[in-house]
Structures are given as structure tokens and as C-alpha cells.
Amino acid sequence: MKHIKKKISNIIGELTMFFFSIGATDISLELQDKDEKFILYLRCNYSDAQEAKISKLVKALQCPKGEAIEEHYWGLAGNSEWDVEFTLIGVMVDDFEITYKDNLLKLILVKNK
């Protein structure tokens, strides 16, 4: 269980840095630890010119889940390009939902235990 909590913490850190990169000045986060899964609710504002970056995030999160890839590569990723980090996040989560319009991004991530 400790290992999965570390992964959740890393996901939060990566997404927070991404939010700063898109001009966010109002970031909120809610994390729920349910019996069988973690649910992460993230919300932030963003500046108008950043929708291309958000589209890259969406594409990267659409990667198919891969337990072996998750275990092997997460620790190696470090501070590499964000596209790689987000692809790893996509591989790690079991489901996600994202909406962005009118300068408000809402992201829900689900990670099964």
C-alpha cells in the first residue's frame, strides 16, 4: 500500500507542475481513499494560449494501462519531458475524465488498489 501512495503523490506533483506551466493561479485538489481505489479530483484555471499543452496531456493520458510498464519505468522517469511523465501517468491510472473550457480545467483520475 505504501508503494501505491507514493505513486499517487508523484502523480499529484507532476500535475501540479503542469498546472503551473499553463498559467494556473488557482489550483484545487481532492483525494479520496476508497476501499478499492483512489479518486483524485483536480481543478485549475489556465491562460488562453495553453490549450495545445492541455491537448497533449489528454493524448498522453489516453495510453492503455500497463502494470509492468508502470512498475518498471516510473522510478526511471525522473524529471524528463512532460510528455513522457504524462504517458506514465496514463499507464498508471485506471480511468480518467477531463474537461477544459472557459479557462477552467477539471481532471478526475482513478487508480485501483
Protein backbone atom coordinates (compact mmCIF):
# COMPACT_ATOMS: atom_id res chain seq x y z
CA MET A 1 0.00 0.00 0.00
CA LYS A 2 2.88 2.38 0.74
CA HIS A 3 4.11 2.00 -2.85
CA ILE A 4 0.76 2.98 -4.37
CA LYS A 5 0.57 6.04 -2.11
CA LYS A 6 4.00 7.13 -3.33
CA LYS A 7 2.75 6.83 -6.92
CA ILE A 8 -0.31 8.94 -6.10
CA SER A 9 1.98 11.54 -4.55
CA ASN A 10 4.18 11.58 -7.67
CA ILE A 11 1.13 11.98 -9.92
CA ILE A 12 -0.02 14.96 -7.85
CA GLY A 13 3.43 16.54 -8.06
CA GLU A 14 3.70 16.14 -11.83
CA LEU A 15 0.24 17.52 -12.46
CA THR A 16 0.79 20.45 -10.12
CA MET A 17 3.92 21.43 -12.05
CA PHE A 18 1.98 21.08 -15.30
CA PHE A 19 -0.76 23.34 -13.95
CA PHE A 20 1.82 25.99 -13.10
CA SER A 21 3.18 25.69 -16.66
CA ILE A 22 -0.22 26.52 -18.14
CA GLY A 23 -0.54 29.65 -16.05
CA ALA A 24 -2.68 28.29 -13.21
CA THR A 25 -3.11 30.64 -10.28
CA ASP A 26 -5.98 28.77 -8.62
CA ILE A 27 -5.38 25.04 -8.13
CA SER A 28 -7.52 22.72 -6.03
CA LEU A 29 -7.09 19.06 -5.26
CA GLU A 30 -9.22 16.46 -3.52
CA LEU A 31 -8.03 12.92 -2.90
CA GLN A 32 -10.39 10.18 -1.75
CA ASP A 33 -9.10 6.84 -0.44
CA LYS A 34 -11.95 4.42 -1.10
CA ASP A 35 -11.99 0.69 -0.29
CA GLU A 36 -10.90 -0.45 -3.75
CA LYS A 37 -9.49 2.71 -5.37
CA PHE A 38 -8.13 6.20 -5.04
CA ILE A 39 -10.02 9.04 -6.74
CA LEU A 40 -8.15 12.25 -7.44
CA TYR A 41 -10.10 15.40 -8.32
CA LEU A 42 -8.04 18.27 -9.70
CA ARG A 43 -9.19 21.67 -10.86
CA CYS A 44 -7.32 24.73 -12.06
CA ASN A 45 -7.59 27.82 -14.17
CA TYR A 46 -5.33 28.28 -17.20
CA SER A 47 -4.33 31.01 -19.61
CA ASP A 48 -5.94 31.21 -23.03
CA ALA A 49 -2.90 30.26 -25.09
CA GLN A 50 -2.34 26.93 -23.32
CA GLU A 51 -4.98 24.67 -24.87
CA ALA A 52 -2.35 22.97 -27.09
CA LYS A 53 -0.47 21.84 -23.96
CA ILE A 54 -3.71 20.58 -22.44
CA SER A 55 -4.47 18.62 -25.62
CA LYS A 56 -1.07 16.92 -25.28
CA LEU A 57 -1.97 15.99 -21.71
CA VAL A 58 -5.25 14.44 -22.86
CA LYS A 59 -3.50 12.42 -25.57
CA ALA A 60 -0.85 11.16 -23.15
CA LEU A 61 -3.45 10.15 -20.55
CA GLN A 62 -5.22 8.01 -23.15
CA CYS A 63 -2.40 5.43 -23.10
CA PRO A 64 -3.56 1.92 -22.26
CA LYS A 65 -2.93 0.76 -18.69
CA GLY A 66 0.16 -1.36 -18.25
CA GLU A 67 1.14 -2.78 -14.87
CA ALA A 68 4.58 -3.98 -15.99
CA ILE A 69 5.40 -0.66 -17.62
CA GLU A 70 4.16 1.20 -14.55
CA GLU A 71 6.40 -0.75 -12.20
CA HIS A 72 9.50 -0.65 -14.37
CA TYR A 73 9.57 2.90 -15.71
CA TRP A 74 8.04 5.17 -13.07
CA GLY A 75 11.18 5.23 -10.96
CA LEU A 76 13.35 5.83 -14.02
CA ALA A 77 11.36 8.78 -15.36
CA GLY A 78 12.77 11.39 -13.03
CA ASN A 79 12.46 14.91 -14.37
CA SER A 80 12.25 14.07 -18.05
CA GLU A 81 9.99 15.61 -20.66
CA TRP A 82 6.39 16.09 -19.52
CA ASP A 83 5.03 14.07 -22.44
CA VAL A 84 6.84 11.03 -21.04
CA GLU A 85 5.65 11.73 -17.50
CA PHE A 86 2.04 12.09 -18.61
CA THR A 87 2.23 8.92 -20.66
CA LEU A 88 3.40 7.16 -17.50
CA ILE A 89 0.51 8.70 -15.57
CA GLY A 90 -1.81 7.41 -18.30
CA VAL A 91 -0.33 3.93 -17.93
CA MET A 92 -0.72 4.08 -14.13
CA VAL A 93 -4.33 5.21 -13.81
CA ASP A 94 -7.32 3.01 -14.46
CA ASP A 95 -9.69 5.72 -15.61
CA PHE A 96 -9.76 9.46 -16.16
CA GLU A 97 -12.11 12.22 -17.17
CA ILE A 98 -11.00 15.68 -18.27
CA THR A 99 -12.87 18.79 -19.32
CA TYR A 100 -11.49 22.18 -20.16
CA LYS A 101 -13.24 25.27 -21.39
CA ASP A 102 -13.67 28.88 -20.37
CA ASN A 103 -10.22 28.78 -18.75
CA LEU A 104 -11.19 26.06 -16.27
CA LEU A 105 -9.63 22.58 -16.36
CA LYS A 106 -11.22 19.73 -14.39
CA LEU A 107 -9.49 16.35 -14.16
CA ILE A 108 -10.60 13.18 -12.36
CA LEU A 109 -8.15 10.28 -12.09
CA VAL A 110 -8.96 6.82 -10.72
CA LYS A 111 -6.27 4.40 -9.52
CA ASN A 112 -7.42 0.97 -8.42
CA LYS A 113 -5.70 -0.60 -5.42
